[in-house]
Amino acid sequence: MIYINIGEAIDIHNEILELTGGLKGINPTSIGYLESVLEHIKNDDYYPTFESKIAHLFFSCVKFHPFPDGNKRTAVYLCMHFFFINEKEIIDKLEEKLEKLVLDVAEDKISKDELRTIFKNFSVRANQKYENKNTHNITVHKRL
């Protein structure tokens, strides 16, 4: 599995703020929490699955406020980046779904455990989409 380091996370945050506006920088009190999260998700004893790792990253970025502005936007794009670098199938409109989830996390409507289940469901649906696409391609190939 490929992981994100704190430098990459800060770069992603800064890129998002350049695109969307907002106060750049880090929250000196809380940036260490994000750095700790990025290290902890490497430990399979605590976070054995992709879904548990990404749920912890997403949840923590929203809750720990490692940046003075744009924490929810950064959580969405760190999550998207984590999917991408690990070559995970992505469900349709994942970005939109994450934007809705991030508000629920921020408002304490979703726990980290519930978030893990949601990510697991995203993975299942993405795998089904992939399998259906491959089945369709095999069928089309056989017809040719």
C-alpha atoms as a PDB file:
ATOM      1  CA  MET A   1       0.000   0.000   0.000  1.00  0.00           C
ATOM      2  CA  ILE A   2       1.203   3.495  -0.772  1.00  0.00           C
ATOM      3  CA  TYR A   3       0.863   6.176   1.900  1.00  0.00           C
ATOM      4  CA  ILE A   4       0.756   9.954   2.039  1.00  0.00           C
ATOM      5  CA  ASN A   5       3.378  11.838   4.045  1.00  0.00           C
ATOM      6  CA  ILE A   6       2.817  15.121   5.848  1.00  0.00           C
ATOM      7  CA  GLY A   7       4.582  17.125   3.124  1.00  0.00           C
ATOM      8  CA  GLU A   8       2.241  15.730   0.475  1.00  0.00           C
ATOM      9  CA  ALA A   9      -0.778  16.434   2.668  1.00  0.00           C
ATOM     10  CA  ILE A  10       0.296  20.062   3.111  1.00  0.00           C
ATOM     11  CA  ASP A  11       0.943  20.381  -0.635  1.00  0.00           C
ATOM     12  CA  ILE A  12      -2.529  19.013  -1.418  1.00  0.00           C
ATOM     13  CA  HIS A  13      -4.030  21.425   1.094  1.00  0.00           C
ATOM     14  CA  ASN A  14      -2.196  24.390  -0.459  1.00  0.00           C
ATOM     15  CA  GLU A  15      -3.233  23.379  -3.997  1.00  0.00           C
ATOM     16  CA  ILE A  16      -6.875  23.172  -2.939  1.00  0.00           C
ATOM     17  CA  LEU A  17      -6.733  26.615  -1.350  1.00  0.00           C
ATOM     18  CA  GLU A  18      -5.136  28.067  -4.482  1.00  0.00           C
ATOM     19  CA  LEU A  19      -8.085  26.725  -6.473  1.00  0.00           C
ATOM     20  CA  THR A  20     -10.872  27.513  -4.027  1.00  0.00           C
ATOM     21  CA  GLY A  21      -9.545  30.311  -1.849  1.00  0.00           C
ATOM     22  CA  GLY A  22      -8.957  30.425   1.854  1.00  0.00           C
ATOM     23  CA  LEU A  23      -6.354  30.987   4.503  1.00  0.00           C
ATOM     24  CA  LYS A  24      -3.139  29.037   3.808  1.00  0.00           C
ATOM     25  CA  GLY A  25      -0.827  27.624   6.414  1.00  0.00           C
ATOM     26  CA  ILE A  26      -0.942  25.037   9.141  1.00  0.00           C
ATOM     27  CA  ASN A  27      -2.407  24.989  12.596  1.00  0.00           C
ATOM     28  CA  PRO A  28       0.798  24.582  14.651  1.00  0.00           C
ATOM     29  CA  THR A  29      -1.098  22.990  17.520  1.00  0.00           C
ATOM     30  CA  SER A  30      -2.913  20.378  15.409  1.00  0.00           C
ATOM     31  CA  ILE A  31      -0.681  19.601  12.415  1.00  0.00           C
ATOM     32  CA  GLY A  32       1.120  17.021  14.547  1.00  0.00           C
ATOM     33  CA  TYR A  33      -2.175  15.132  14.890  1.00  0.00           C
ATOM     34  CA  LEU A  34      -2.397  14.780  11.113  1.00  0.00           C
ATOM     35  CA  GLU A  35       1.224  13.704  10.932  1.00  0.00           C
ATOM     36  CA  SER A  36       0.496  11.093  13.602  1.00  0.00           C
ATOM     37  CA  VAL A  37      -2.558   9.851  11.692  1.00  0.00           C
ATOM     38  CA  LEU A  38      -0.501   9.476   8.517  1.00  0.00           C
ATOM     39  CA  GLU A  39       1.978   7.338  10.466  1.00  0.00           C
ATOM     40  CA  HIS A  40      -0.645   5.316  12.368  1.00  0.00           C
ATOM     41  CA  ILE A  41      -2.524   4.200   9.257  1.00  0.00           C
ATOM     42  CA  LYS A  42       0.647   2.399   8.182  1.00  0.00           C
ATOM     43  CA  ASN A  43       0.172   0.044  11.145  1.00  0.00           C
ATOM     44  CA  ASP A  44      -1.952  -2.906  10.035  1.00  0.00           C
ATOM     45  CA  ASP A  45      -2.521  -3.922  13.650  1.00  0.00           C
ATOM     46  CA  TYR A  46      -4.581  -0.770  14.212  1.00  0.00           C
ATOM     47  CA  TYR A  47      -5.875  -0.206  10.682  1.00  0.00           C
ATOM     48  CA  PRO A  48      -5.820  -3.555   8.864  1.00  0.00           C
ATOM     49  CA  THR A  49      -7.895  -2.617   5.811  1.00  0.00           C
ATOM     50  CA  PHE A  50      -7.817   0.101   3.209  1.00  0.00           C
ATOM     51  CA  GLU A  51     -11.242   1.234   4.404  1.00  0.00           C
ATOM     52  CA  SER A  52     -10.156   1.550   8.036  1.00  0.00           C
ATOM     53  CA  LYS A  53      -7.089   3.539   6.996  1.00  0.00           C
ATOM     54  CA  ILE A  54      -8.973   5.959   4.771  1.00  0.00           C
ATOM     55  CA  ALA A  55     -11.789   6.384   7.295  1.00  0.00           C
ATOM     56  CA  HIS A  56      -9.273   7.334   9.996  1.00  0.00           C
ATOM     57  CA  LEU A  57      -7.513   9.787   7.670  1.00  0.00           C
ATOM     58  CA  PHE A  58     -10.757  11.403   6.492  1.00  0.00           C
ATOM     59  CA  PHE A  59     -12.281  11.590   9.970  1.00  0.00           C
ATOM     60  CA  SER A  60      -9.128  12.954  11.591  1.00  0.00           C
ATOM     61  CA  CYS A  61      -8.533  15.662   9.011  1.00  0.00           C
ATOM     62  CA  VAL A  62     -12.050  16.962   9.640  1.00  0.00           C
ATOM     63  CA  LYS A  63     -11.984  16.655  13.419  1.00  0.00           C
ATOM     64  CA  PHE A  64      -8.416  17.666  14.303  1.00  0.00           C
ATOM     65  CA  HIS A  65      -8.333  20.873  12.217  1.00  0.00           C
ATOM     66  CA  PRO A  66      -4.678  20.612  11.147  1.00  0.00           C
ATOM     67  CA  PHE A  67      -5.122  23.717   8.993  1.00  0.00           C
ATOM     68  CA  PRO A  68      -6.584  27.129   9.835  1.00  0.00           C
ATOM     69  CA  ASP A  69      -8.980  26.856   6.870  1.00  0.00           C
ATOM     70  CA  GLY A  70     -10.122  24.254   4.354  1.00  0.00           C
ATOM     71  CA  ASN A  71      -9.972  21.147   6.550  1.00  0.00           C
ATOM     72  CA  LYS A  72     -13.111  19.599   5.064  1.00  0.00           C
ATOM     73  CA  ARG A  73     -11.963  20.294   1.491  1.00  0.00           C
ATOM     74  CA  THR A  74      -8.560  18.866   2.322  1.00  0.00           C
ATOM     75  CA  ALA A  75     -10.134  15.734   3.834  1.00  0.00           C
ATOM     76  CA  VAL A  76     -12.055  15.139   0.593  1.00  0.00           C
ATOM     77  CA  TYR A  77      -9.005  15.539  -1.612  1.00  0.00           C
ATOM     78  CA  LEU A  78      -6.643  13.594   0.650  1.00  0.00           C
ATOM     79  CA  CYS A  79      -9.164  10.782   0.455  1.00  0.00           C
ATOM     80  CA  MET A  80      -9.401  11.032  -3.344  1.00  0.00           C
ATOM     81  CA  HIS A  81      -5.601  11.066  -3.546  1.00  0.00           C
ATOM     82  CA  PHE A  82      -5.352   8.000  -1.290  1.00  0.00           C
ATOM     83  CA  PHE A  83      -7.744   6.122  -3.588  1.00  0.00           C
ATOM     84  CA  PHE A  84      -5.739   7.214  -6.628  1.00  0.00           C
ATOM     85  CA  ILE A  85      -2.229   6.382  -5.399  1.00  0.00           C
ATOM     86  CA  ASN A  86      -3.404   2.971  -4.257  1.00  0.00           C
ATOM     87  CA  GLU A  87      -5.081   2.334  -7.614  1.00  0.00           C
ATOM     88  CA  LYS A  88      -8.438   1.607  -6.019  1.00  0.00           C
ATOM     89  CA  GLU A  89     -11.547   1.552  -8.134  1.00  0.00           C
ATOM     90  CA  ILE A  90     -13.588   4.692  -7.558  1.00  0.00           C
ATOM     91  CA  ILE A  91     -17.366   4.729  -7.529  1.00  0.00           C
ATOM     92  CA  ASP A  92     -19.201   7.220  -9.693  1.00  0.00           C
ATOM     93  CA  LYS A  93     -19.414  10.699  -8.218  1.00  0.00           C
ATOM     94  CA  LEU A  94     -17.131   9.830  -5.301  1.00  0.00           C
ATOM     95  CA  GLU A  95     -16.139  13.466  -4.856  1.00  0.00           C
ATOM     96  CA  GLU A  96     -19.776  14.532  -4.468  1.00  0.00           C
ATOM     97  CA  LYS A  97     -20.457  11.722  -2.000  1.00  0.00           C
ATOM     98  CA  LEU A  98     -17.400  12.709   0.062  1.00  0.00           C
ATOM     99  CA  GLU A  99     -18.498  16.349   0.102  1.00  0.00           C
ATOM    100  CA  LYS A 100     -21.783  15.268   1.691  1.00  0.00           C
ATOM    101  CA  LEU A 101     -20.058  12.906   4.128  1.00  0.00           C
ATOM    102  CA  VAL A 102     -17.587  15.520   5.290  1.00  0.00           C
ATOM    103  CA  LEU A 103     -20.411  17.712   6.574  1.00  0.00           C
ATOM    104  CA  ASP A 104     -21.949  14.803   8.466  1.00  0.00           C
ATOM    105  CA  VAL A 105     -18.589  14.027  10.070  1.00  0.00           C
ATOM    106  CA  ALA A 106     -18.086  17.677  11.009  1.00  0.00           C
ATOM    107  CA  GLU A 107     -21.551  17.808  12.592  1.00  0.00           C
ATOM    108  CA  ASP A 108     -21.026  14.518  14.506  1.00  0.00           C
ATOM    109  CA  LYS A 109     -23.747  12.758  12.529  1.00  0.00           C
ATOM    110  CA  ILE A 110     -21.356   9.975  11.461  1.00  0.00           C
ATOM    111  CA  SER A 111     -18.867   8.155  13.665  1.00  0.00           C
ATOM    112  CA  LYS A 112     -15.513   6.884  12.443  1.00  0.00           C
ATOM    113  CA  ASP A 113     -16.858   3.305  12.558  1.00  0.00           C
ATOM    114  CA  GLU A 114     -19.838   4.282  10.426  1.00  0.00           C
ATOM    115  CA  LEU A 115     -17.468   6.037   8.052  1.00  0.00           C
ATOM    116  CA  ARG A 116     -15.392   2.860   7.732  1.00  0.00           C
ATOM    117  CA  THR A 117     -18.539   0.929   6.791  1.00  0.00           C
ATOM    118  CA  ILE A 118     -19.429   3.564   4.210  1.00  0.00           C
ATOM    119  CA  PHE A 119     -15.964   3.307   2.660  1.00  0.00           C
ATOM    120  CA  LYS A 120     -16.289  -0.469   2.646  1.00  0.00           C
ATOM    121  CA  ASN A 121     -19.580  -0.112   0.765  1.00  0.00           C
ATOM    122  CA  PHE A 122     -17.898   2.278  -1.677  1.00  0.00           C
ATOM    123  CA  SER A 123     -15.229  -0.365  -2.295  1.00  0.00           C
ATOM    124  CA  VAL A 124     -17.799  -3.115  -2.808  1.00  0.00           C
ATOM    125  CA  ARG A 125     -19.745  -0.995  -5.298  1.00  0.00           C
ATOM    126  CA  ALA A 126     -16.567  -0.005  -7.117  1.00  0.00           C
ATOM    127  CA  ASN A 127     -15.528  -3.661  -7.361  1.00  0.00           C
ATOM    128  CA  GLN A 128     -18.981  -4.610  -8.649  1.00  0.00           C
ATOM    129  CA  LYS A 129     -18.766  -1.846 -11.236  1.00  0.00           C
ATOM    130  CA  TYR A 130     -15.344  -3.155 -12.274  1.00  0.00           C
ATOM    131  CA  GLU A 131     -16.561  -6.764 -12.438  1.00  0.00           C
ATOM    132  CA  ASN A 132     -19.628  -5.748 -14.455  1.00  0.00           C
ATOM    133  CA  LYS A 133     -17.443  -3.779 -16.833  1.00  0.00           C
ATOM    134  CA  ASN A 134     -15.112  -6.755 -17.282  1.00  0.00           C
ATOM    135  CA  THR A 135     -18.029  -9.152 -17.745  1.00  0.00           C
ATOM    136  CA  HIS A 136     -19.468  -6.839 -20.363  1.00  0.00           C
ATOM    137  CA  ASN A 137     -16.116  -6.604 -22.132  1.00  0.00           C
ATOM    138  CA  ILE A 138     -15.766 -10.390 -22.135  1.00  0.00           C
ATOM    139  CA  THR A 139     -19.277 -10.745 -23.561  1.00  0.00           C
ATOM    140  CA  VAL A 140     -18.612  -8.144 -26.243  1.00  0.00           C
ATOM    141  CA  HIS A 141     -15.262  -9.772 -27.037  1.00  0.00           C
ATOM    142  CA  LYS A 142     -16.901 -13.199 -27.413  1.00  0.00           C
ATOM    143  CA  ARG A 143     -19.460 -11.745 -29.822  1.00  0.00           C
ATOM    144  CA  LEU A 144     -16.674 -10.389 -32.030  1.00  0.00           C
END
